[in-house]
Amino acid sequence: GLQGMEPGAGMSLAGVREKAGPDLCLWGNVDVGWLAQPQPAEEIAGRVAQLLQPLAGTPVILGTSGGLMAGLPGANVEALFRS
């Protein structure tokens, strides 16, 4: 797989998927700076759906490009993984 898709660097899972083909597992693409800000669970769910829709049927691990950091709102992290 390919890990570390950083949206702040102009990378998108959909763009990499288009170039890499349907078989390579892609990982990342949630902006940790955005996730660190207070977000309604509905906003997080909408962002997840927007990121995953063009990747339907292909291997992907949606998460931050650099892991989870101290200070991330727990409710945001929970909403991300429930979505």
Protein backbone atom coordinates (compact mmCIF):
# COMPACT_ATOMS: atom_id res chain seq x y z
CA GLY A 1 0.00 0.00 0.00
CA LEU A 2 0.84 3.68 -0.13
CA GLN A 3 0.64 5.67 3.11
CA GLY A 4 0.78 9.37 3.90
CA MET A 5 -1.63 11.02 1.47
CA GLU A 6 -1.37 14.65 2.65
CA PRO A 7 -4.20 16.94 1.53
CA GLY A 8 -2.20 20.03 2.57
CA ALA A 9 0.42 19.06 -0.04
CA GLY A 10 -2.21 18.87 -2.77
CA MET A 11 -2.55 15.08 -2.63
CA SER A 12 -5.93 13.41 -2.86
CA LEU A 13 -6.86 9.76 -2.61
CA ALA A 14 -8.98 10.07 -5.75
CA GLY A 15 -6.11 11.65 -7.71
CA VAL A 16 -3.60 9.03 -6.61
CA ARG A 17 -6.13 6.26 -7.27
CA GLU A 18 -6.53 7.51 -10.83
CA LYS A 19 -2.76 7.27 -11.39
CA ALA A 20 -2.04 4.11 -9.35
CA GLY A 21 -4.95 1.97 -10.49
CA PRO A 22 -7.57 0.07 -8.49
CA ASP A 23 -5.43 -2.50 -6.64
CA LEU A 24 -2.98 -0.49 -4.50
CA CYS A 25 -4.24 0.23 -0.97
CA LEU A 26 -4.15 3.96 -0.23
CA TRP A 27 -3.96 5.40 3.28
CA GLY A 28 -4.53 8.87 4.71
CA ASN A 29 -6.05 12.07 3.30
CA VAL A 30 -7.81 13.48 6.36
CA ASP A 31 -6.29 16.88 7.20
CA VAL A 32 -5.26 16.61 10.85
CA GLY A 33 -5.36 20.41 11.19
CA TRP A 34 -9.01 20.38 10.14
CA LEU A 35 -9.75 17.44 12.44
CA ALA A 36 -8.15 19.30 15.37
CA GLN A 37 -10.77 22.06 15.12
CA PRO A 38 -14.21 21.63 16.68
CA GLN A 39 -16.38 19.98 14.00
CA PRO A 40 -19.97 18.73 14.18
CA ALA A 41 -20.17 14.96 13.71
CA GLU A 42 -22.34 15.56 10.64
CA GLU A 43 -19.58 17.66 9.03
CA ILE A 44 -17.04 14.91 9.66
CA ALA A 45 -19.39 12.27 8.24
CA GLY A 46 -19.94 14.44 5.16
CA ARG A 47 -16.19 14.87 4.63
CA VAL A 48 -15.66 11.11 4.97
CA ALA A 49 -18.39 10.39 2.41
CA GLN A 50 -16.90 12.98 0.04
CA LEU A 51 -13.43 11.42 0.31
CA LEU A 52 -14.59 7.81 -0.03
CA GLN A 53 -17.22 8.15 -2.77
CA PRO A 54 -14.77 8.18 -5.71
CA LEU A 55 -12.90 5.22 -4.19
CA ALA A 56 -15.82 2.81 -3.91
CA GLY A 57 -14.80 -0.79 -4.42
CA THR A 58 -11.06 -0.13 -4.05
CA PRO A 59 -8.77 -0.73 -1.06
CA VAL A 60 -8.41 2.36 1.14
CA ILE A 61 -7.65 3.15 4.78
CA LEU A 62 -9.07 6.57 5.54
CA GLY A 63 -7.20 8.37 8.30
CA THR A 64 -4.88 11.26 8.93
CA SER A 65 -1.69 11.37 6.95
CA GLY A 66 0.42 11.63 10.09
CA GLY A 67 -1.36 9.73 12.85
CA LEU A 68 -3.32 11.00 15.83
CA MET A 69 -1.82 13.73 17.98
CA ALA A 70 -2.31 14.81 21.55
CA GLY A 71 -5.02 17.42 21.78
CA LEU A 72 -7.25 16.12 19.00
CA PRO A 73 -10.86 16.36 20.17
CA GLY A 74 -11.92 12.83 21.09
CA ALA A 75 -15.40 13.42 19.71
CA ASN A 76 -13.90 14.29 16.31
CA VAL A 77 -11.76 11.16 16.24
CA GLU A 78 -14.75 9.04 17.24
CA ALA A 79 -16.93 10.66 14.56
CA LEU A 80 -14.22 10.03 11.96
CA PHE A 81 -14.04 6.32 12.72
CA ARG A 82 -17.80 5.89 13.10
CA SER A 83 -18.30 7.44 9.67
